[in-house]
Amino acid sequence: MRGDRRQIQTAVLGGPGSEEPLMLPLEAIELDAFRRRHEHDTFWCGLLLGGCGLWLWGHVARVAALM
């Protein structure tokens, strides 16, 4: 899914088959604290949630404040 710019709100921790879901922040102001809490975790589009199983990464768009 190259170039996919959708906002992802749910993910799983550790791997695509994980049963540990979490909500991702949609506001840029929440992203720094979230990253600090989960600095050693990886986030995935969970297969059990009906997702694609790909690794998710977050960034802050400087102009639009999106994740």
N, C-alpha and C. Protein backbone atom coordinates (compact mmCIF):
# COMPACT_ATOMS: atom_id res chain seq x y z
N MET A 1 0.84 -1.19 0.00
CA MET A 1 0.00 0.00 0.00
C MET A 1 0.87 1.25 0.00
N ARG A 2 1.73 1.35 -0.91
CA ARG A 2 2.63 2.48 -0.99
C ARG A 2 1.84 3.77 -1.19
N GLY A 3 2.20 4.79 -0.43
CA GLY A 3 1.54 6.08 -0.55
C GLY A 3 0.21 6.16 0.17
N ASP A 4 -0.12 5.17 0.97
CA ASP A 4 -1.38 5.15 1.71
C ASP A 4 -1.31 6.20 2.81
N ARG A 5 -2.19 7.16 2.81
CA ARG A 5 -2.16 8.26 3.77
C ARG A 5 -3.36 8.25 4.72
N ARG A 6 -4.03 7.10 4.84
CA ARG A 6 -5.17 7.03 5.75
C ARG A 6 -4.74 7.21 7.19
N GLN A 7 -5.62 7.79 8.01
CA GLN A 7 -5.37 7.88 9.44
C GLN A 7 -5.83 6.58 10.07
N ILE A 8 -4.92 5.94 10.77
CA ILE A 8 -5.20 4.68 11.43
C ILE A 8 -5.49 4.97 12.89
N GLN A 9 -6.61 4.48 13.40
CA GLN A 9 -6.95 4.76 14.79
C GLN A 9 -6.70 3.55 15.70
N THR A 10 -6.78 2.34 15.18
CA THR A 10 -6.53 1.17 16.01
C THR A 10 -5.33 0.40 15.46
N ALA A 11 -4.63 -0.25 16.35
CA ALA A 11 -3.46 -1.06 15.99
C ALA A 11 -3.33 -2.16 17.02
N VAL A 12 -2.37 -3.04 16.81
CA VAL A 12 -2.01 -4.03 17.81
C VAL A 12 -0.52 -3.91 18.09
N LEU A 13 -0.13 -4.34 19.28
CA LEU A 13 1.27 -4.26 19.70
C LEU A 13 2.00 -5.55 19.37
N GLY A 14 3.24 -5.43 18.91
CA GLY A 14 4.14 -6.56 18.82
C GLY A 14 4.18 -7.33 17.52
N GLY A 15 3.09 -7.46 16.82
CA GLY A 15 3.08 -8.22 15.58
C GLY A 15 1.68 -8.30 15.02
N PRO A 16 1.54 -8.65 13.76
CA PRO A 16 0.24 -8.63 13.10
C PRO A 16 -0.79 -9.59 13.69
N GLY A 17 -0.34 -10.67 14.35
CA GLY A 17 -1.27 -11.62 14.95
C GLY A 17 -1.56 -11.36 16.42
N SER A 18 -1.09 -10.23 16.94
CA SER A 18 -1.26 -9.90 18.35
C SER A 18 -2.74 -9.77 18.72
N GLU A 19 -3.03 -10.07 19.98
CA GLU A 19 -4.36 -9.89 20.53
C GLU A 19 -4.39 -8.70 21.49
N GLU A 20 -3.40 -7.82 21.39
CA GLU A 20 -3.28 -6.66 22.28
C GLU A 20 -3.53 -5.37 21.51
N PRO A 21 -4.81 -4.97 21.37
CA PRO A 21 -5.13 -3.76 20.61
C PRO A 21 -4.89 -2.49 21.42
N LEU A 22 -4.73 -1.38 20.74
CA LEU A 22 -4.66 -0.08 21.38
C LEU A 22 -5.13 0.98 20.41
N MET A 23 -5.51 2.12 20.98
CA MET A 23 -5.96 3.26 20.18
C MET A 23 -4.76 4.16 19.94
N LEU A 24 -4.56 4.54 18.70
CA LEU A 24 -3.48 5.46 18.34
C LEU A 24 -3.99 6.89 18.39
N PRO A 25 -3.13 7.84 18.79
CA PRO A 25 -3.56 9.23 18.83
C PRO A 25 -3.74 9.78 17.41
N LEU A 26 -4.78 10.57 17.22
CA LEU A 26 -5.00 11.22 15.94
C LEU A 26 -4.54 12.67 15.94
N GLU A 27 -4.31 13.23 17.11
CA GLU A 27 -3.87 14.61 17.23
C GLU A 27 -2.36 14.66 17.43
N ALA A 28 -1.71 15.54 16.72
CA ALA A 28 -0.26 15.67 16.81
C ALA A 28 0.20 15.99 18.23
N ILE A 29 -0.59 16.75 18.96
CA ILE A 29 -0.22 17.14 20.31
C ILE A 29 -0.12 15.93 21.25
N GLU A 30 -0.83 14.85 20.94
CA GLU A 30 -0.82 13.64 21.77
C GLU A 30 0.29 12.67 21.37
N LEU A 31 0.89 12.86 20.22
CA LEU A 31 1.82 11.87 19.67
C LEU A 31 3.12 11.75 20.46
N ASP A 32 3.70 12.84 20.92
CA ASP A 32 4.97 12.78 21.65
C ASP A 32 4.84 11.95 22.93
N ALA A 33 3.79 12.19 23.71
CA ALA A 33 3.58 11.43 24.95
C ALA A 33 3.33 9.96 24.63
N PHE A 34 2.59 9.69 23.59
CA PHE A 34 2.31 8.31 23.18
C PHE A 34 3.61 7.60 22.81
N ARG A 35 4.45 8.25 22.04
CA ARG A 35 5.73 7.66 21.64
C ARG A 35 6.63 7.38 22.84
N ARG A 36 6.61 8.28 23.84
CA ARG A 36 7.41 8.05 25.05
C ARG A 36 6.91 6.83 25.82
N ARG A 37 5.59 6.68 25.93
CA ARG A 37 5.01 5.53 26.64
C ARG A 37 5.30 4.21 25.94
N HIS A 38 5.44 4.25 24.62
CA HIS A 38 5.60 3.04 23.82
C HIS A 38 6.91 3.04 23.03
N GLU A 39 7.97 3.60 23.61
CA GLU A 39 9.21 3.77 22.86
C GLU A 39 9.84 2.46 22.39
N HIS A 40 9.53 1.35 23.04
CA HIS A 40 10.12 0.07 22.65
C HIS A 40 9.13 -0.85 21.96
N ASP A 41 7.95 -0.37 21.66
CA ASP A 41 6.90 -1.17 21.03
C ASP A 41 6.86 -0.98 19.53
N THR A 42 6.31 -1.95 18.84
CA THR A 42 6.02 -1.81 17.42
C THR A 42 4.51 -1.93 17.24
N PHE A 43 3.98 -1.28 16.24
CA PHE A 43 2.54 -1.21 16.01
C PHE A 43 2.22 -1.82 14.66
N TRP A 44 1.14 -2.58 14.62
CA TRP A 44 0.79 -3.33 13.43
C TRP A 44 -0.68 -3.19 13.12
N CYS A 45 -1.03 -3.32 11.86
CA CYS A 45 -2.41 -3.39 11.43
C CYS A 45 -2.85 -4.84 11.71
N GLY A 46 -3.63 -5.03 12.76
CA GLY A 46 -3.92 -6.36 13.28
C GLY A 46 -4.79 -7.23 12.39
N LEU A 47 -4.33 -8.42 12.15
CA LEU A 47 -5.08 -9.38 11.35
C LEU A 47 -6.40 -9.76 12.02
N LEU A 48 -6.39 -9.89 13.35
CA LEU A 48 -7.61 -10.24 14.07
C LEU A 48 -8.64 -9.11 14.08
N LEU A 49 -8.19 -7.90 13.75
CA LEU A 49 -9.10 -6.75 13.64
C LEU A 49 -9.57 -6.57 12.20
N GLY A 50 -9.21 -7.50 11.34
CA GLY A 50 -9.60 -7.40 9.93
C GLY A 50 -8.63 -6.59 9.09
N GLY A 51 -7.43 -6.32 9.64
CA GLY A 51 -6.45 -5.50 8.95
C GLY A 51 -5.54 -6.29 8.03
N CYS A 52 -4.58 -5.58 7.46
CA CYS A 52 -3.70 -6.13 6.43
C CYS A 52 -2.45 -6.80 6.99
N GLY A 53 -2.12 -6.58 8.27
CA GLY A 53 -0.94 -7.19 8.86
C GLY A 53 0.34 -6.42 8.65
N LEU A 54 0.28 -5.22 8.10
CA LEU A 54 1.49 -4.44 7.86
C LEU A 54 1.91 -3.65 9.09
N TRP A 55 3.21 -3.34 9.16
CA TRP A 55 3.78 -2.51 10.21
C TRP A 55 3.27 -1.09 10.03
N LEU A 56 2.91 -0.44 11.14
CA LEU A 56 2.45 0.95 11.10
C LEU A 56 3.51 1.84 11.71
N TRP A 57 3.63 3.02 11.19
CA TRP A 57 4.55 4.01 11.75
C TRP A 57 3.82 5.33 11.80
N GLY A 58 4.18 6.17 12.76
CA GLY A 58 3.52 7.46 12.92
C GLY A 58 4.45 8.60 12.60
N HIS A 59 3.89 9.64 12.06
CA HIS A 59 4.66 10.85 11.82
C HIS A 59 3.75 12.03 12.06
N VAL A 60 4.36 13.18 12.23
CA VAL A 60 3.60 14.41 12.41
C VAL A 60 3.78 15.26 11.18
N ALA A 61 2.69 15.53 10.49
CA ALA A 61 2.75 16.45 9.36
C ALA A 61 2.81 17.86 9.94
N ARG A 62 3.85 18.57 9.63
CA ARG A 62 4.08 19.87 10.24
C ARG A 62 2.99 20.89 9.93
N VAL A 63 2.36 20.79 8.80
CA VAL A 63 1.35 21.77 8.43
C VAL A 63 -0.04 21.33 8.86
N ALA A 64 -0.39 20.08 8.60
CA ALA A 64 -1.75 19.62 8.80
C ALA A 64 -1.98 18.96 10.17
N ALA A 65 -0.94 18.70 10.94
CA ALA A 65 -1.05 18.08 12.26
C ALA A 65 -1.83 16.77 12.22
N LEU A 66 -1.42 15.91 11.32
CA LEU A 66 -2.06 14.59 11.19
C LEU A 66 -1.09 13.52 11.64
N MET A 67 -1.61 12.35 11.91
CA MET A 67 -0.75 11.20 12.16
C MET A 67 -0.92 10.27 11.01
